[in-house]
């Protein structure tokens, strides 16, 4: 561990990204992921942290179970969609039903090389969210996940986020890299806020991308089972088991709303963030939704 490039006592830097020092994936383990075997039916769920990963896990599980009854068995979502970066905890390449779905926060250049092979055409679902809400969500998450350092203040964490000195590094870089990789990847972009506004519409588009022809009734059930209210009380979806084994200090599904940043940011922080966002992201064909009026 002494050879790691430390960002903090809780994070080390590898390939310009930040990983957990208290986890069990070392640089050599992360690099080994590049060479894992990929199947043509594989699906990769990729997000920057706190962008809707748990939500999309539930949606994908519900779609697969509707299309392929019995797929995945009676396990929790995190078993059905294992984490690529936690290969040494739960090997995602173990034998399991097709299509295999992997979860990951990794940038494009750290995914298995087979994901980019055109002859294989692996599906990548990339969920992105407005970064102000991500910042607030990560701040609260850092108070819950035992592997992350508890921030001294929101002001400190705000600056760390803008500097990319947080888990997985810069949000700006992560989104830019996936936008730039569209020619290499078969990627479907899903915006968190669009799911909040029209979950059914986003499920329909996702089914079309994945080639899953569900009935209207099946789609309605996917949507119903994937609402925040139902997920919050569903032990297969809400990661409550990790609270019970003390990996989380408290439940991590807080509000699930777009625009919560307005309850935390100061006026000066908001103006500064807008300036940074404009400087770094104005050339991308993505438009953030900063809040949804209900």
C-alpha atoms as a PDB file:
ATOM      1  CA  UNK A   1       0.000   0.000   0.000  1.00  0.00           C
ATOM      2  CA  UNK A   2       2.934   2.364   0.575  1.00  0.00           C
ATOM      3  CA  UNK A   3       3.555   2.574  -3.173  1.00  0.00           C
ATOM      4  CA  UNK A   4       0.129   4.062  -3.852  1.00  0.00           C
ATOM      5  CA  UNK A   5      -0.250   7.642  -5.051  1.00  0.00           C
ATOM      6  CA  UNK A   6      -2.324   8.970  -2.167  1.00  0.00           C
ATOM      7  CA  UNK A   7      -4.879  11.744  -2.635  1.00  0.00           C
ATOM      8  CA  UNK A   8      -5.886  11.436   1.025  1.00  0.00           C
ATOM      9  CA  UNK A   9      -5.751   8.702   3.672  1.00  0.00           C
ATOM     10  CA  UNK A  10      -8.945   7.339   2.075  1.00  0.00           C
ATOM     11  CA  UNK A  11      -8.169   7.732  -1.642  1.00  0.00           C
ATOM     12  CA  UNK A  12      -5.364   6.832  -4.026  1.00  0.00           C
ATOM     13  CA  UNK A  13      -4.943   8.003  -7.615  1.00  0.00           C
ATOM     14  CA  UNK A  14      -4.555   5.619 -10.530  1.00  0.00           C
ATOM     15  CA  UNK A  15      -4.845   6.564 -14.213  1.00  0.00           C
ATOM     16  CA  UNK A  16      -6.002  10.040 -13.162  1.00  0.00           C
ATOM     17  CA  UNK A  17      -8.922   8.648 -11.111  1.00  0.00           C
ATOM     18  CA  UNK A  18      -9.380   8.225  -7.379  1.00  0.00           C
ATOM     19  CA  UNK A  19     -10.032   4.872  -5.719  1.00  0.00           C
ATOM     20  CA  UNK A  20     -10.559   3.706  -2.156  1.00  0.00           C
ATOM     21  CA  UNK A  21      -7.506   2.883  -0.072  1.00  0.00           C
ATOM     22  CA  UNK A  22      -9.671   0.854   2.334  1.00  0.00           C
ATOM     23  CA  UNK A  23     -11.099  -1.332  -0.409  1.00  0.00           C
ATOM     24  CA  UNK A  24      -9.227  -4.346  -1.783  1.00  0.00           C
ATOM     25  CA  UNK A  25      -8.698  -3.341  -5.417  1.00  0.00           C
ATOM     26  CA  UNK A  26      -5.101  -2.284  -6.043  1.00  0.00           C
ATOM     27  CA  UNK A  27      -3.832  -0.745  -9.322  1.00  0.00           C
ATOM     28  CA  UNK A  28      -2.810  -4.154 -10.650  1.00  0.00           C
ATOM     29  CA  UNK A  29      -6.329  -5.482  -9.991  1.00  0.00           C
ATOM     30  CA  UNK A  30      -7.936  -2.534 -11.744  1.00  0.00           C
ATOM     31  CA  UNK A  31      -5.628  -2.967 -14.736  1.00  0.00           C
ATOM     32  CA  UNK A  32      -6.425  -6.690 -14.860  1.00  0.00           C
ATOM     33  CA  UNK A  33     -10.051  -5.830 -15.616  1.00  0.00           C
ATOM     34  CA  UNK A  34      -8.953  -4.723 -19.089  1.00  0.00           C
ATOM     35  CA  UNK A  35      -8.353  -8.323 -20.091  1.00  0.00           C
ATOM     36  CA  UNK A  36     -11.500 -10.031 -18.785  1.00  0.00           C
ATOM     37  CA  UNK A  37     -13.602 -11.945 -21.293  1.00  0.00           C
ATOM     38  CA  UNK A  38     -16.689 -10.180 -22.612  1.00  0.00           C
ATOM     39  CA  UNK A  39     -19.830 -11.797 -24.027  1.00  0.00           C
ATOM     40  CA  UNK A  40     -21.835 -10.227 -26.879  1.00  0.00           C
ATOM     41  CA  UNK A  41     -24.921 -10.098 -24.663  1.00  0.00           C
ATOM     42  CA  UNK A  42     -23.198  -8.275 -21.789  1.00  0.00           C
ATOM     43  CA  UNK A  43     -24.612  -5.004 -20.497  1.00  0.00           C
ATOM     44  CA  UNK A  44     -22.603  -2.408 -18.581  1.00  0.00           C
ATOM     45  CA  UNK A  45     -24.385   0.041 -16.293  1.00  0.00           C
ATOM     46  CA  UNK A  46     -21.969   2.950 -15.902  1.00  0.00           C
ATOM     47  CA  UNK A  47     -22.355   6.038 -13.761  1.00  0.00           C
ATOM     48  CA  UNK A  48     -20.367   8.643 -11.964  1.00  0.00           C
ATOM     49  CA  UNK A  49     -21.083   8.078  -8.232  1.00  0.00           C
ATOM     50  CA  UNK A  50     -24.504   9.214  -6.996  1.00  0.00           C
ATOM     51  CA  UNK A  51     -25.944   9.657 -10.492  1.00  0.00           C
ATOM     52  CA  UNK A  52     -28.778   7.131 -10.165  1.00  0.00           C
ATOM     53  CA  UNK A  53     -26.914   3.829 -10.063  1.00  0.00           C
ATOM     54  CA  UNK A  54     -29.211   2.086  -7.584  1.00  0.00           C
ATOM     55  CA  UNK A  55     -32.266   3.366  -9.459  1.00  0.00           C
ATOM     56  CA  UNK A  56     -31.034   2.059 -12.804  1.00  0.00           C
ATOM     57  CA  UNK A  57     -30.055  -1.258 -11.209  1.00  0.00           C
ATOM     58  CA  UNK A  58     -33.674  -1.726 -10.211  1.00  0.00           C
ATOM     59  CA  UNK A  59     -34.966  -0.725 -13.664  1.00  0.00           C
ATOM     60  CA  UNK A  60     -32.616  -3.116 -15.465  1.00  0.00           C
ATOM     61  CA  UNK A  61     -33.441  -5.984 -13.095  1.00  0.00           C
ATOM     62  CA  UNK A  62     -37.169  -5.425 -13.590  1.00  0.00           C
ATOM     63  CA  UNK A  63     -36.787  -5.299 -17.380  1.00  0.00           C
ATOM     64  CA  UNK A  64     -34.779  -8.519 -17.443  1.00  0.00           C
ATOM     65  CA  UNK A  65     -37.147 -10.351 -15.118  1.00  0.00           C
ATOM     66  CA  UNK A  66     -40.109  -9.262 -17.250  1.00  0.00           C
ATOM     67  CA  UNK A  67     -38.395 -10.344 -20.467  1.00  0.00           C
ATOM     68  CA  UNK A  68     -36.735 -13.480 -19.038  1.00  0.00           C
ATOM     69  CA  UNK A  69     -38.745 -14.919 -16.120  1.00  0.00           C
ATOM     70  CA  UNK A  70     -36.425 -16.380 -13.516  1.00  0.00           C
ATOM     71  CA  UNK A  71     -33.426 -14.325 -14.629  1.00  0.00           C
ATOM     72  CA  UNK A  72     -31.130 -13.685 -11.685  1.00  0.00           C
ATOM     73  CA  UNK A  73     -33.117 -15.733  -9.170  1.00  0.00           C
ATOM     74  CA  UNK A  74     -34.136 -14.344  -5.769  1.00  0.00           C
ATOM     75  CA  UNK A  75     -30.962 -12.421  -4.982  1.00  0.00           C
ATOM     76  CA  UNK A  76     -30.565  -8.714  -4.235  1.00  0.00           C
ATOM     77  CA  UNK A  77     -29.926  -6.286  -7.066  1.00  0.00           C
ATOM     78  CA  UNK A  78     -26.282  -5.864  -6.129  1.00  0.00           C
ATOM     79  CA  UNK A  79     -25.823  -9.643  -6.526  1.00  0.00           C
ATOM     80  CA  UNK A  80     -27.696  -9.686  -9.834  1.00  0.00           C
ATOM     81  CA  UNK A  81     -25.674  -6.698 -11.069  1.00  0.00           C
ATOM     82  CA  UNK A  82     -22.262  -7.105  -9.403  1.00  0.00           C
ATOM     83  CA  UNK A  83     -19.752  -4.294  -9.255  1.00  0.00           C
ATOM     84  CA  UNK A  84     -16.896  -4.531 -11.740  1.00  0.00           C
ATOM     85  CA  UNK A  85     -14.454  -2.775  -9.404  1.00  0.00           C
ATOM     86  CA  UNK A  86     -15.249  -5.208  -6.576  1.00  0.00           C
ATOM     87  CA  UNK A  87     -14.160  -8.287  -8.474  1.00  0.00           C
ATOM     88  CA  UNK A  88     -12.250  -9.612  -5.465  1.00  0.00           C
ATOM     89  CA  UNK A  89     -15.351  -9.352  -3.249  1.00  0.00           C
ATOM     90  CA  UNK A  90     -17.925 -10.819  -5.636  1.00  0.00           C
ATOM     91  CA  UNK A  91     -16.487 -11.975  -8.950  1.00  0.00           C
ATOM     92  CA  UNK A  92     -18.736 -10.425 -11.623  1.00  0.00           C
ATOM     93  CA  UNK A  93     -17.317 -12.877 -14.156  1.00  0.00           C
ATOM     94  CA  UNK A  94     -18.621 -15.885 -12.240  1.00  0.00           C
ATOM     95  CA  UNK A  95     -21.066 -18.121 -14.092  1.00  0.00           C
ATOM     96  CA  UNK A  96     -24.468 -16.465 -14.097  1.00  0.00           C
ATOM     97  CA  UNK A  97     -27.497 -16.106 -16.404  1.00  0.00           C
ATOM     98  CA  UNK A  98     -27.224 -14.238 -19.692  1.00  0.00           C
ATOM     99  CA  UNK A  99     -27.363 -11.388 -20.263  1.00  0.00           C
ATOM    100  CA  UNK A 100     -24.777 -10.555 -17.629  1.00  0.00           C
ATOM    101  CA  UNK A 101     -25.079  -7.020 -16.298  1.00  0.00           C
ATOM    102  CA  UNK A 102     -22.113  -5.266 -14.692  1.00  0.00           C
ATOM    103  CA  UNK A 103     -22.129  -2.097 -12.626  1.00  0.00           C
ATOM    104  CA  UNK A 104     -19.199   0.316 -12.802  1.00  0.00           C
ATOM    105  CA  UNK A 105     -17.992   3.844 -12.165  1.00  0.00           C
ATOM    106  CA  UNK A 106     -14.927   3.322 -14.365  1.00  0.00           C
ATOM    107  CA  UNK A 107     -14.139   5.681 -17.252  1.00  0.00           C
ATOM    108  CA  UNK A 108     -14.090   4.246 -20.816  1.00  0.00           C
ATOM    109  CA  UNK A 109     -10.354   3.579 -20.934  1.00  0.00           C
ATOM    110  CA  UNK A 110     -10.521   1.345 -17.835  1.00  0.00           C
ATOM    111  CA  UNK A 111     -13.382  -0.889 -18.996  1.00  0.00           C
ATOM    112  CA  UNK A 112     -12.498  -4.321 -20.422  1.00  0.00           C
ATOM    113  CA  UNK A 113     -11.138  -3.814 -23.923  1.00  0.00           C
ATOM    114  CA  UNK A 114     -13.788  -6.173 -25.309  1.00  0.00           C
ATOM    115  CA  UNK A 115     -16.471  -3.588 -24.548  1.00  0.00           C
ATOM    116  CA  UNK A 116     -15.127  -1.486 -27.433  1.00  0.00           C
ATOM    117  CA  UNK A 117     -14.903  -4.266 -30.025  1.00  0.00           C
ATOM    118  CA  UNK A 118     -17.467  -3.572 -32.739  1.00  0.00           C
ATOM    119  CA  UNK A 119     -17.900  -7.255 -33.537  1.00  0.00           C
ATOM    120  CA  UNK A 120     -19.040  -7.889 -29.956  1.00  0.00           C
ATOM    121  CA  UNK A 121     -21.269  -4.803 -29.561  1.00  0.00           C
ATOM    122  CA  UNK A 122     -21.632  -4.795 -25.787  1.00  0.00           C
ATOM    123  CA  UNK A 123     -24.409  -2.493 -24.564  1.00  0.00           C
ATOM    124  CA  UNK A 124     -23.448   0.371 -22.258  1.00  0.00           C
ATOM    125  CA  UNK A 125     -26.129   2.247 -20.325  1.00  0.00           C
ATOM    126  CA  UNK A 126     -24.687   5.529 -19.057  1.00  0.00           C
ATOM    127  CA  UNK A 127     -26.725   7.417 -16.476  1.00  0.00           C
ATOM    128  CA  UNK A 128     -25.811  11.022 -15.828  1.00  0.00           C
ATOM    129  CA  UNK A 129     -27.193  13.643 -13.467  1.00  0.00           C
ATOM    130  CA  UNK A 130     -26.799  17.342 -12.840  1.00  0.00           C
ATOM    131  CA  UNK A 131     -23.561  17.794 -10.902  1.00  0.00           C
ATOM    132  CA  UNK A 132     -24.936  20.155  -8.266  1.00  0.00           C
ATOM    133  CA  UNK A 133     -27.236  17.428  -6.948  1.00  0.00           C
ATOM    134  CA  UNK A 134     -24.431  14.883  -7.282  1.00  0.00           C
ATOM    135  CA  UNK A 135     -22.175  17.074  -5.136  1.00  0.00           C
ATOM    136  CA  UNK A 136     -24.809  17.313  -2.400  1.00  0.00           C
ATOM    137  CA  UNK A 137     -25.606  13.601  -2.600  1.00  0.00           C
ATOM    138  CA  UNK A 138     -21.907  12.657  -2.420  1.00  0.00           C
ATOM    139  CA  UNK A 139     -21.488  14.945   0.584  1.00  0.00           C
ATOM    140  CA  UNK A 140     -24.241  13.113   2.461  1.00  0.00           C
ATOM    141  CA  UNK A 141     -23.004   9.729   1.199  1.00  0.00           C
ATOM    142  CA  UNK A 142     -19.550  10.469   2.605  1.00  0.00           C
ATOM    143  CA  UNK A 143     -21.215  10.695   6.021  1.00  0.00           C
ATOM    144  CA  UNK A 144     -22.696   7.229   5.513  1.00  0.00           C
ATOM    145  CA  UNK A 145     -20.209   4.988   3.694  1.00  0.00           C
ATOM    146  CA  UNK A 146     -17.557   3.764   6.100  1.00  0.00           C
ATOM    147  CA  UNK A 147     -14.912   3.599   3.354  1.00  0.00           C
ATOM    148  CA  UNK A 148     -15.081   7.350   2.694  1.00  0.00           C
ATOM    149  CA  UNK A 149     -13.640  10.174   4.763  1.00  0.00           C
ATOM    150  CA  UNK A 150     -16.284  12.268   6.517  1.00  0.00           C
ATOM    151  CA  UNK A 151     -16.039  15.832   5.143  1.00  0.00           C
ATOM    152  CA  UNK A 152     -15.103  18.536   7.608  1.00  0.00           C
ATOM    153  CA  UNK A 153     -17.604  20.928   6.046  1.00  0.00           C
ATOM    154  CA  UNK A 154     -19.749  21.330   2.951  1.00  0.00           C
ATOM    155  CA  UNK A 155     -17.558  24.245   1.867  1.00  0.00           C
ATOM    156  CA  UNK A 156     -14.463  22.018   1.916  1.00  0.00           C
ATOM    157  CA  UNK A 157     -16.227  19.207   0.062  1.00  0.00           C
ATOM    158  CA  UNK A 158     -17.594  21.664  -2.510  1.00  0.00           C
ATOM    159  CA  UNK A 159     -14.053  22.666  -3.458  1.00  0.00           C
ATOM    160  CA  UNK A 160     -12.784  19.086  -3.422  1.00  0.00           C
ATOM    161  CA  UNK A 161     -15.535  18.127  -5.862  1.00  0.00           C
ATOM    162  CA  UNK A 162     -14.651  20.938  -8.256  1.00  0.00           C
ATOM    163  CA  UNK A 163     -10.962  20.010  -7.999  1.00  0.00           C
ATOM    164  CA  UNK A 164     -11.705  16.337  -8.690  1.00  0.00           C
ATOM    165  CA  UNK A 165     -10.278  15.311  -5.302  1.00  0.00           C
ATOM    166  CA  UNK A 166     -13.203  13.010  -4.484  1.00  0.00           C
ATOM    167  CA  UNK A 167     -13.981   9.337  -5.070  1.00  0.00           C
ATOM    168  CA  UNK A 168     -13.611   8.555  -8.832  1.00  0.00           C
ATOM    169  CA  UNK A 169     -12.186  11.992  -9.573  1.00  0.00           C
ATOM    170  CA  UNK A 170     -13.723  14.701 -11.729  1.00  0.00           C
ATOM    171  CA  UNK A 171     -17.401  14.558 -12.730  1.00  0.00           C
ATOM    172  CA  UNK A 172     -16.578  16.891 -15.601  1.00  0.00           C
ATOM    173  CA  UNK A 173     -13.939  14.521 -16.981  1.00  0.00           C
ATOM    174  CA  UNK A 174     -16.135  11.447 -16.514  1.00  0.00           C
ATOM    175  CA  UNK A 175     -19.034  12.846 -18.537  1.00  0.00           C
ATOM    176  CA  UNK A 176     -16.769  14.316 -21.204  1.00  0.00           C
ATOM    177  CA  UNK A 177     -14.955  11.004 -21.681  1.00  0.00           C
ATOM    178  CA  UNK A 178     -18.182   9.075 -22.228  1.00  0.00           C
ATOM    179  CA  UNK A 179     -19.438  11.672 -24.669  1.00  0.00           C
ATOM    180  CA  UNK A 180     -16.144  11.392 -26.556  1.00  0.00           C
ATOM    181  CA  UNK A 181     -16.317   7.573 -26.541  1.00  0.00           C
ATOM    182  CA  UNK A 182     -19.647   7.318 -28.377  1.00  0.00           C
ATOM    183  CA  UNK A 183     -17.903   6.212 -31.582  1.00  0.00           C
ATOM    184  CA  UNK A 184     -16.188   3.383 -29.678  1.00  0.00           C
ATOM    185  CA  UNK A 185     -19.066   2.244 -27.480  1.00  0.00           C
ATOM    186  CA  UNK A 186     -22.640   1.175 -28.101  1.00  0.00           C
ATOM    187  CA  UNK A 187     -23.842   3.595 -25.433  1.00  0.00           C
ATOM    188  CA  UNK A 188     -27.314   4.744 -24.429  1.00  0.00           C
ATOM    189  CA  UNK A 189     -27.381   7.967 -22.388  1.00  0.00           C
ATOM    190  CA  UNK A 190     -30.068   8.283 -19.729  1.00  0.00           C
ATOM    191  CA  UNK A 191     -30.553  11.525 -17.812  1.00  0.00           C
ATOM    192  CA  UNK A 192     -31.547  11.176 -14.162  1.00  0.00           C
ATOM    193  CA  UNK A 193     -33.842  14.183 -14.350  1.00  0.00           C
ATOM    194  CA  UNK A 194     -35.633  12.789 -17.417  1.00  0.00           C
ATOM    195  CA  UNK A 195     -36.336   9.616 -15.442  1.00  0.00           C
ATOM    196  CA  UNK A 196     -37.756  11.828 -12.703  1.00  0.00           C
ATOM    197  CA  UNK A 197     -40.048  13.597 -15.175  1.00  0.00           C
ATOM    198  CA  UNK A 198     -41.111  10.644 -17.350  1.00  0.00           C
ATOM    199  CA  UNK A 199     -39.963   7.298 -15.985  1.00  0.00           C
ATOM    200  CA  UNK A 200     -42.196   5.302 -18.300  1.00  0.00           C
ATOM    201  CA  UNK A 201     -40.910   7.089 -21.387  1.00  0.00           C
ATOM    202  CA  UNK A 202     -37.313   6.420 -20.372  1.00  0.00           C
ATOM    203  CA  UNK A 203     -38.076   2.746 -19.672  1.00  0.00           C
ATOM    204  CA  UNK A 204     -39.617   2.396 -23.140  1.00  0.00           C
ATOM    205  CA  UNK A 205     -36.503   3.897 -24.769  1.00  0.00           C
ATOM    206  CA  UNK A 206     -34.232   1.692 -22.667  1.00  0.00           C
ATOM    207  CA  UNK A 207     -36.174  -1.447 -23.662  1.00  0.00           C
ATOM    208  CA  UNK A 208     -35.789  -0.489 -27.328  1.00  0.00           C
ATOM    209  CA  UNK A 209     -32.032  -0.014 -26.882  1.00  0.00           C
ATOM    210  CA  UNK A 210     -31.699  -3.396 -25.167  1.00  0.00           C
ATOM    211  CA  UNK A 211     -33.939  -5.165 -27.678  1.00  0.00           C
ATOM    212  CA  UNK A 212     -36.532  -6.154 -25.066  1.00  0.00           C
ATOM    213  CA  UNK A 213     -40.103  -6.092 -26.410  1.00  0.00           C
ATOM    214  CA  UNK A 214     -42.300  -5.835 -23.325  1.00  0.00           C
ATOM    215  CA  UNK A 215     -46.067  -5.533 -23.180  1.00  0.00           C
ATOM    216  CA  UNK A 216     -47.634  -2.323 -21.907  1.00  0.00           C
ATOM    217  CA  UNK A 217     -48.609  -4.163 -18.740  1.00  0.00           C
ATOM    218  CA  UNK A 218     -45.039  -5.362 -18.196  1.00  0.00           C
ATOM    219  CA  UNK A 219     -43.659  -1.856 -18.716  1.00  0.00           C
ATOM    220  CA  UNK A 220     -46.203  -0.504 -16.223  1.00  0.00           C
ATOM    221  CA  UNK A 221     -44.960  -3.024 -13.657  1.00  0.00           C
ATOM    222  CA  UNK A 222     -41.306  -2.109 -14.307  1.00  0.00           C
ATOM    223  CA  UNK A 223     -42.188   1.535 -13.690  1.00  0.00           C
ATOM    224  CA  UNK A 224     -44.234   0.813 -10.553  1.00  0.00           C
ATOM    225  CA  UNK A 225     -41.516  -1.364  -9.040  1.00  0.00           C
ATOM    226  CA  UNK A 226     -38.903   1.300  -9.825  1.00  0.00           C
ATOM    227  CA  UNK A 227     -40.514   4.263  -8.096  1.00  0.00           C
ATOM    228  CA  UNK A 228     -38.542   5.835  -5.251  1.00  0.00           C
ATOM    229  CA  UNK A 229     -41.333   4.993  -2.803  1.00  0.00           C
ATOM    230  CA  UNK A 230     -41.302   1.277  -3.631  1.00  0.00           C
ATOM    231  CA  UNK A 231     -37.521   1.002  -3.807  1.00  0.00           C
ATOM    232  CA  UNK A 232     -37.056   2.660  -0.417  1.00  0.00           C
ATOM    233  CA  UNK A 233     -38.944  -0.226   1.239  1.00  0.00           C
ATOM    234  CA  UNK A 234     -37.620  -3.019  -1.004  1.00  0.00           C
ATOM    235  CA  UNK A 235     -34.678  -4.799   0.690  1.00  0.00           C
ATOM    236  CA  UNK A 236     -33.584  -6.269  -2.641  1.00  0.00           C
ATOM    237  CA  UNK A 237     -33.153  -2.782  -4.081  1.00  0.00           C
ATOM    238  CA  UNK A 238     -32.262  -0.386  -1.262  1.00  0.00           C
ATOM    239  CA  UNK A 239     -28.926  -1.842  -0.006  1.00  0.00           C
ATOM    240  CA  UNK A 240     -30.341  -2.056   3.511  1.00  0.00           C
ATOM    241  CA  UNK A 241     -28.342  -5.242   4.087  1.00  0.00           C
ATOM    242  CA  UNK A 242     -25.154  -3.157   3.936  1.00  0.00           C
ATOM    243  CA  UNK A 243     -26.464  -1.021   6.789  1.00  0.00           C
ATOM    244  CA  UNK A 244     -27.084  -4.190   8.787  1.00  0.00           C
ATOM    245  CA  UNK A 245     -23.468  -5.329   8.368  1.00  0.00           C
ATOM    246  CA  UNK A 246     -22.154  -1.831   9.201  1.00  0.00           C
ATOM    247  CA  UNK A 247     -20.782  -1.022   5.732  1.00  0.00           C
ATOM    248  CA  UNK A 248     -23.104   1.981   5.729  1.00  0.00           C
ATOM    249  CA  UNK A 249     -23.806   3.998   8.866  1.00  0.00           C
ATOM    250  CA  UNK A 250     -27.360   4.806   7.755  1.00  0.00           C
ATOM    251  CA  UNK A 251     -29.754   4.316   4.865  1.00  0.00           C
ATOM    252  CA  UNK A 252     -28.479   5.958   1.688  1.00  0.00           C
ATOM    253  CA  UNK A 253     -31.744   6.539  -0.208  1.00  0.00           C
ATOM    254  CA  UNK A 254     -32.520  10.061   0.983  1.00  0.00           C
ATOM    255  CA  UNK A 255     -34.852  12.071  -1.286  1.00  0.00           C
ATOM    256  CA  UNK A 256     -34.337  11.147  -4.922  1.00  0.00           C
ATOM    257  CA  UNK A 257     -35.355  14.616  -6.085  1.00  0.00           C
ATOM    258  CA  UNK A 258     -33.867  16.992  -8.643  1.00  0.00           C
ATOM    259  CA  UNK A 259     -32.935  20.397  -7.259  1.00  0.00           C
ATOM    260  CA  UNK A 260     -32.022  19.524  -3.662  1.00  0.00           C
ATOM    261  CA  UNK A 261     -28.799  21.482  -4.177  1.00  0.00           C
ATOM    262  CA  UNK A 262     -30.843  24.680  -3.730  1.00  0.00           C
ATOM    263  CA  UNK A 263     -31.254  23.769  -0.055  1.00  0.00           C
ATOM    264  CA  UNK A 264     -27.490  23.590   0.458  1.00  0.00           C
ATOM    265  CA  UNK A 265     -25.603  25.878  -1.955  1.00  0.00           C
ATOM    266  CA  UNK A 266     -24.996  29.486  -1.034  1.00  0.00           C
ATOM    267  CA  UNK A 267     -25.661  32.119  -3.685  1.00  0.00           C
ATOM    268  CA  UNK A 268     -21.910  32.608  -4.109  1.00  0.00           C
ATOM    269  CA  UNK A 269     -21.290  28.857  -4.466  1.00  0.00           C
ATOM    270  CA  UNK A 270     -24.029  28.567  -7.078  1.00  0.00           C
ATOM    271  CA  UNK A 271     -22.682  31.463  -9.125  1.00  0.00           C
ATOM    272  CA  UNK A 272     -19.163  30.071  -8.926  1.00  0.00           C
ATOM    273  CA  UNK A 273     -20.327  26.574  -9.900  1.00  0.00           C
ATOM    274  CA  UNK A 274     -22.230  27.961 -12.900  1.00  0.00           C
ATOM    275  CA  UNK A 275     -19.074  29.717 -14.049  1.00  0.00           C
ATOM    276  CA  UNK A 276     -16.988  26.551 -13.762  1.00  0.00           C
ATOM    277  CA  UNK A 277     -19.658  24.490 -15.516  1.00  0.00           C
ATOM    278  CA  UNK A 278     -19.893  26.944 -18.412  1.00  0.00           C
ATOM    279  CA  UNK A 279     -16.127  26.998 -18.784  1.00  0.00           C
ATOM    280  CA  UNK A 280     -15.717  23.217 -18.798  1.00  0.00           C
ATOM    281  CA  UNK A 281     -18.910  21.875 -20.400  1.00  0.00           C
ATOM    282  CA  UNK A 282     -20.369  24.467 -22.781  1.00  0.00           C
ATOM    283  CA  UNK A 283     -19.066  22.663 -25.874  1.00  0.00           C
ATOM    284  CA  UNK A 284     -20.876  19.383 -25.093  1.00  0.00           C
ATOM    285  CA  UNK A 285     -24.279  18.462 -26.599  1.00  0.00           C
ATOM    286  CA  UNK A 286     -25.764  17.798 -23.159  1.00  0.00           C
ATOM    287  CA  UNK A 287     -28.113  20.117 -21.328  1.00  0.00           C
ATOM    288  CA  UNK A 288     -28.444  19.862 -17.554  1.00  0.00           C
ATOM    289  CA  UNK A 289     -31.796  20.078 -15.800  1.00  0.00           C
ATOM    290  CA  UNK A 290     -31.028  21.793 -12.518  1.00  0.00           C
ATOM    291  CA  UNK A 291     -34.409  21.358 -10.865  1.00  0.00           C
ATOM    292  CA  UNK A 292     -37.904  19.993 -11.488  1.00  0.00           C
ATOM    293  CA  UNK A 293     -40.919  21.932 -10.253  1.00  0.00           C
ATOM    294  CA  UNK A 294     -43.468  19.537  -8.831  1.00  0.00           C
END
